[in-house]
PDB file of N, CA and C in Angstrom:
ATOM      1  N   UNK A   1      -5.475  -1.426   4.892  1.00  0.00           N
ATOM      2  CA  UNK A   1      -5.882  -2.762   4.508  1.00  0.00           C
ATOM      3  C   UNK A   1      -5.701  -2.918   3.007  1.00  0.00           C
ATOM      4  N   UNK A   2      -5.234  -4.039   2.595  1.00  0.00           N
ATOM      5  CA  UNK A   2      -5.021  -4.335   1.188  1.00  0.00           C
ATOM      6  C   UNK A   2      -6.131  -5.260   0.710  1.00  0.00           C
ATOM      7  N   UNK A   3      -6.827  -4.873  -0.342  1.00  0.00           N
ATOM      8  CA  UNK A   3      -7.830  -5.733  -0.963  1.00  0.00           C
ATOM      9  C   UNK A   3      -7.074  -6.568  -1.999  1.00  0.00           C
ATOM     10  N   UNK A   4      -6.686  -7.753  -1.612  1.00  0.00           N
ATOM     11  CA  UNK A   4      -5.810  -8.588  -2.435  1.00  0.00           C
ATOM     12  C   UNK A   4      -6.407  -8.936  -3.787  1.00  0.00           C
ATOM     13  N   UNK A   5      -7.718  -9.039  -3.856  1.00  0.00           N
ATOM     14  CA  UNK A   5      -8.362  -9.380  -5.125  1.00  0.00           C
ATOM     15  C   UNK A   5      -8.219  -8.260  -6.153  1.00  0.00           C
ATOM     16  N   UNK A   6      -8.010  -7.044  -5.698  1.00  0.00           N
ATOM     17  CA  UNK A   6      -7.918  -5.888  -6.596  1.00  0.00           C
ATOM     18  C   UNK A   6      -6.480  -5.494  -6.898  1.00  0.00           C
ATOM     19  N   UNK A   7      -5.559  -5.780  -5.996  1.00  0.00           N
ATOM     20  CA  UNK A   7      -4.178  -5.327  -6.125  1.00  0.00           C
ATOM     21  C   UNK A   7      -3.506  -5.941  -7.354  1.00  0.00           C
ATOM     22  N   UNK A   8      -2.852  -5.077  -8.137  1.00  0.00           N
ATOM     23  CA  UNK A   8      -2.124  -5.511  -9.333  1.00  0.00           C
ATOM     24  C   UNK A   8      -0.626  -5.597  -9.067  1.00  0.00           C
ATOM     25  N   UNK A   9      -0.186  -5.257  -7.826  1.00  0.00           N
ATOM     26  CA  UNK A   9       1.217  -5.274  -7.444  1.00  0.00           C
ATOM     27  C   UNK A   9       2.052  -4.412  -8.396  1.00  0.00           C
ATOM     28  N   UNK A  10       1.494  -3.251  -8.744  1.00  0.00           N
ATOM     29  CA  UNK A  10       2.142  -2.356  -9.699  1.00  0.00           C
ATOM     30  C   UNK A  10       3.250  -1.525  -9.069  1.00  0.00           C
ATOM     31  N   UNK A  11       3.206  -1.330  -7.751  1.00  0.00           N
ATOM     32  CA  UNK A  11       4.240  -0.586  -7.070  1.00  0.00           C
ATOM     33  C   UNK A  11       3.979   0.897  -6.917  1.00  0.00           C
ATOM     34  N   UNK A  12       2.842   1.376  -7.390  1.00  0.00           N
ATOM     35  CA  UNK A  12       2.524   2.802  -7.252  1.00  0.00           C
ATOM     36  C   UNK A  12       2.525   3.227  -5.785  1.00  0.00           C
ATOM     37  N   UNK A  13       1.954   2.424  -4.916  1.00  0.00           N
ATOM     38  CA  UNK A  13       1.888   2.746  -3.490  1.00  0.00           C
ATOM     39  C   UNK A  13       3.285   2.820  -2.877  1.00  0.00           C
ATOM     40  N   UNK A  14       4.120   1.866  -3.214  1.00  0.00           N
ATOM     41  CA  UNK A  14       5.479   1.844  -2.679  1.00  0.00           C
ATOM     42  C   UNK A  14       6.288   3.027  -3.186  1.00  0.00           C
ATOM     43  N   UNK A  15       6.041   3.427  -4.405  1.00  0.00           N
ATOM     44  CA  UNK A  15       6.784   4.522  -4.999  1.00  0.00           C
ATOM     45  C   UNK A  15       6.497   5.880  -4.379  1.00  0.00           C
ATOM     46  N   UNK A  16       5.323   6.044  -3.775  1.00  0.00           N
ATOM     47  CA  UNK A  16       4.974   7.342  -3.201  1.00  0.00           C
ATOM     48  C   UNK A  16       5.087   7.385  -1.676  1.00  0.00           C
ATOM     49  N   UNK A  17       5.292   6.278  -1.035  1.00  0.00           N
ATOM     50  CA  UNK A  17       5.376   6.261   0.430  1.00  0.00           C
ATOM     51  C   UNK A  17       6.587   7.066   0.896  1.00  0.00           C
ATOM     52  N   UNK A  18       6.368   8.168   1.617  1.00  0.00           N
ATOM     53  CA  UNK A  18       7.485   9.005   2.043  1.00  0.00           C
ATOM     54  C   UNK A  18       8.396   8.342   3.075  1.00  0.00           C
ATOM     55  N   UNK A  19       7.938   7.285   3.698  1.00  0.00           N
ATOM     56  CA  UNK A  19       8.737   6.590   4.714  1.00  0.00           C
ATOM     57  C   UNK A  19       9.264   5.246   4.228  1.00  0.00           C
ATOM     58  N   UNK A  20       9.004   4.909   2.958  1.00  0.00           N
ATOM     59  CA  UNK A  20       9.458   3.645   2.363  1.00  0.00           C
ATOM     60  C   UNK A  20       9.016   2.434   3.181  1.00  0.00           C
ATOM     61  N   UNK A  21       7.739   2.393   3.515  1.00  0.00           N
ATOM     62  CA  UNK A  21       7.215   1.326   4.369  1.00  0.00           C
ATOM     63  C   UNK A  21       6.536   0.202   3.595  1.00  0.00           C
ATOM     64  N   UNK A  22       6.465   0.320   2.280  1.00  0.00           N
ATOM     65  CA  UNK A  22       5.780  -0.686   1.477  1.00  0.00           C
ATOM     66  C   UNK A  22       6.785  -1.342   0.549  1.00  0.00           C
ATOM     67  N   UNK A  23       6.798  -2.665   0.583  1.00  0.00           N
ATOM     68  CA  UNK A  23       7.655  -3.441  -0.308  1.00  0.00           C
ATOM     69  C   UNK A  23       6.753  -4.293  -1.191  1.00  0.00           C
ATOM     70  N   UNK A  24       6.913  -4.152  -2.487  1.00  0.00           N
ATOM     71  CA  UNK A  24       6.109  -4.919  -3.440  1.00  0.00           C
ATOM     72  C   UNK A  24       6.892  -6.156  -3.833  1.00  0.00           C
ATOM     73  N   UNK A  25       6.233  -7.271  -3.718  1.00  0.00           N
ATOM     74  CA  UNK A  25       6.807  -8.537  -4.180  1.00  0.00           C
ATOM     75  C   UNK A  25       5.963  -9.024  -5.346  1.00  0.00           C
ATOM     76  N   UNK A  26       6.326 -10.127  -5.900  1.00  0.00           N
ATOM     77  CA  UNK A  26       5.647 -10.635  -7.097  1.00  0.00           C
ATOM     78  C   UNK A  26       4.139 -10.760  -6.919  1.00  0.00           C
ATOM     79  N   UNK A  27       3.709 -11.320  -5.816  1.00  0.00           N
ATOM     80  CA  UNK A  27       2.263 -11.482  -5.590  1.00  0.00           C
ATOM     81  C   UNK A  27       1.862 -11.078  -4.170  1.00  0.00           C
ATOM     82  N   UNK A  28       2.583 -10.134  -3.592  1.00  0.00           N
ATOM     83  CA  UNK A  28       2.232  -9.672  -2.258  1.00  0.00           C
ATOM     84  C   UNK A  28       2.821  -8.291  -1.984  1.00  0.00           C
ATOM     85  N   UNK A  29       2.268  -7.650  -0.967  1.00  0.00           N
ATOM     86  CA  UNK A  29       2.804  -6.387  -0.472  1.00  0.00           C
ATOM     87  C   UNK A  29       3.191  -6.586   0.979  1.00  0.00           C
ATOM     88  N   UNK A  30       4.351  -6.110   1.352  1.00  0.00           N
ATOM     89  CA  UNK A  30       4.746  -6.068   2.754  1.00  0.00           C
ATOM     90  C   UNK A  30       4.583  -4.631   3.205  1.00  0.00           C
ATOM     91  N   UNK A  31       3.892  -4.431   4.302  1.00  0.00           N
ATOM     92  CA  UNK A  31       3.568  -3.100   4.772  1.00  0.00           C
ATOM     93  C   UNK A  31       3.880  -3.000   6.252  1.00  0.00           C
ATOM     94  N   UNK A  32       4.686  -2.030   6.636  1.00  0.00           N
ATOM     95  CA  UNK A  32       5.080  -1.839   8.025  1.00  0.00           C
ATOM     96  C   UNK A  32       4.038  -0.960   8.723  1.00  0.00           C
ATOM     97  N   UNK A  33       3.032  -1.577   9.305  1.00  0.00           N
ATOM     98  CA  UNK A  33       1.934  -0.855   9.953  1.00  0.00           C
ATOM     99  C   UNK A  33       2.379  -0.077  11.173  1.00  0.00           C
ATOM    100  N   UNK A  34       3.345  -0.594  11.902  1.00  0.00           N
ATOM    101  CA  UNK A  34       3.794   0.045  13.139  1.00  0.00           C
ATOM    102  C   UNK A  34       4.434   1.405  12.884  1.00  0.00           C
ATOM    103  N   UNK A  35       5.092   1.579  11.763  1.00  0.00           N
ATOM    104  CA  UNK A  35       5.782   2.831  11.444  1.00  0.00           C
ATOM    105  C   UNK A  35       4.921   3.809  10.647  1.00  0.00           C
ATOM    106  N   UNK A  36       3.779   3.349  10.152  1.00  0.00           N
ATOM    107  CA  UNK A  36       2.911   4.173   9.315  1.00  0.00           C
ATOM    108  C   UNK A  36       2.328   5.345  10.108  1.00  0.00           C
ATOM    109  N   UNK A  37       2.358   6.530   9.522  1.00  0.00           N
ATOM    110  CA  UNK A  37       1.791   7.734  10.141  1.00  0.00           C
ATOM    111  C   UNK A  37       0.435   8.099   9.534  1.00  0.00           C
ATOM    112  N   UNK A  38      -0.129   7.195   8.750  1.00  0.00           N
ATOM    113  CA  UNK A  38      -1.472   7.337   8.172  1.00  0.00           C
ATOM    114  C   UNK A  38      -1.616   8.596   7.306  1.00  0.00           C
ATOM    115  N   UNK A  39      -0.610   8.858   6.476  1.00  0.00           N
ATOM    116  CA  UNK A  39      -0.686  10.017   5.588  1.00  0.00           C
ATOM    117  C   UNK A  39      -1.621   9.764   4.404  1.00  0.00           C
ATOM    118  N   UNK A  40      -1.888   8.505   4.102  1.00  0.00           N
ATOM    119  CA  UNK A  40      -2.814   8.068   3.061  1.00  0.00           C
ATOM    120  C   UNK A  40      -2.359   8.407   1.643  1.00  0.00           C
ATOM    121  N   UNK A  41      -1.106   8.769   1.465  1.00  0.00           N
ATOM    122  CA  UNK A  41      -0.590   9.028   0.121  1.00  0.00           C
ATOM    123  C   UNK A  41      -0.660   7.766  -0.728  1.00  0.00           C
ATOM    124  N   UNK A  42      -0.352   6.630  -0.131  1.00  0.00           N
ATOM    125  CA  UNK A  42      -0.401   5.363  -0.866  1.00  0.00           C
ATOM    126  C   UNK A  42      -1.826   5.029  -1.297  1.00  0.00           C
ATOM    127  N   UNK A  43      -2.791   5.311  -0.438  1.00  0.00           N
ATOM    128  CA  UNK A  43      -4.199   5.043  -0.755  1.00  0.00           C
ATOM    129  C   UNK A  43      -4.622   5.864  -1.963  1.00  0.00           C
ATOM    130  N   UNK A  44      -4.237   7.127  -1.986  1.00  0.00           N
ATOM    131  CA  UNK A  44      -4.592   8.016  -3.094  1.00  0.00           C
ATOM    132  C   UNK A  44      -3.879   7.637  -4.384  1.00  0.00           C
ATOM    133  N   UNK A  45      -2.685   7.067  -4.288  1.00  0.00           N
ATOM    134  CA  UNK A  45      -1.896   6.718  -5.471  1.00  0.00           C
ATOM    135  C   UNK A  45      -2.343   5.424  -6.143  1.00  0.00           C
ATOM    136  N   UNK A  46      -3.052   4.579  -5.426  1.00  0.00           N
ATOM    137  CA  UNK A  46      -3.436   3.272  -5.974  1.00  0.00           C
ATOM    138  C   UNK A  46      -4.423   3.440  -7.131  1.00  0.00           C
ATOM    139  N   UNK A  47      -4.072   2.967  -8.327  1.00  0.00           N
ATOM    140  CA  UNK A  47      -4.942   3.148  -9.489  1.00  0.00           C
ATOM    141  C   UNK A  47      -6.209   2.291  -9.473  1.00  0.00           C
ATOM    142  N   UNK A  48      -6.248   1.275  -8.608  1.00  0.00           N
ATOM    143  CA  UNK A  48      -7.424   0.396  -8.570  1.00  0.00           C
ATOM    144  C   UNK A  48      -8.106   0.385  -7.201  1.00  0.00           C
ATOM    145  N   UNK A  49      -7.780   1.357  -6.352  1.00  0.00           N
ATOM    146  CA  UNK A  49      -8.346   1.482  -5.009  1.00  0.00           C
ATOM    147  C   UNK A  49      -8.236   0.187  -4.198  1.00  0.00           C
ATOM    148  N   UNK A  50      -7.081  -0.464  -4.295  1.00  0.00           N
ATOM    149  CA  UNK A  50      -6.865  -1.710  -3.553  1.00  0.00           C
ATOM    150  C   UNK A  50      -6.401  -1.478  -2.117  1.00  0.00           C
ATOM    151  N   UNK A  51      -6.106  -0.221  -1.790  1.00  0.00           N
ATOM    152  CA  UNK A  51      -5.691   0.099  -0.421  1.00  0.00           C
ATOM    153  C   UNK A  51      -6.789   0.903   0.245  1.00  0.00           C
ATOM    154  N   UNK A  52      -7.075   0.507   1.475  1.00  0.00           N
ATOM    155  CA  UNK A  52      -8.107   1.194   2.247  1.00  0.00           C
ATOM    156  C   UNK A  52      -7.586   1.415   3.654  1.00  0.00           C
ATOM    157  N   UNK A  53      -8.054   2.465   4.284  1.00  0.00           N
ATOM    158  CA  UNK A  53      -7.672   2.690   5.667  1.00  0.00           C
ATOM    159  C   UNK A  53      -8.290   1.599   6.522  1.00  0.00           C
ATOM    160  N   UNK A  54      -7.508   1.045   7.413  1.00  0.00           N
ATOM    161  CA  UNK A  54      -8.010  -0.015   8.289  1.00  0.00           C
ATOM    162  C   UNK A  54      -6.890  -0.676   9.031  1.00  0.00           C
ATOM    163  N   UNK A  55      -7.234  -1.631   9.867  1.00  0.00           N
ATOM    164  CA  UNK A  55      -6.257  -2.305  10.720  1.00  0.00           C
ATOM    165  C   UNK A  55      -5.736  -3.605  10.130  1.00  0.00           C
ATOM    166  N   UNK A  56      -6.299  -4.054   9.034  1.00  0.00           N
ATOM    167  CA  UNK A  56      -5.894  -5.346   8.453  1.00  0.00           C
ATOM    168  C   UNK A  56      -4.649  -5.240   7.618  1.00  0.00           C
TER     169      UNK A  56
END
């Protein structure tokens, strides 16, 4: 789940995703939930904790 109020769209999450499932746009993130293996690398990489495990 992305906490949109916290996300700075810095691209840290996209840069560490081993499956390249995150695309950063100017004011949004596109995330391929169906292909995600829940490794949580992106969650750990986020400098503002804007990513959380969840279904949203």
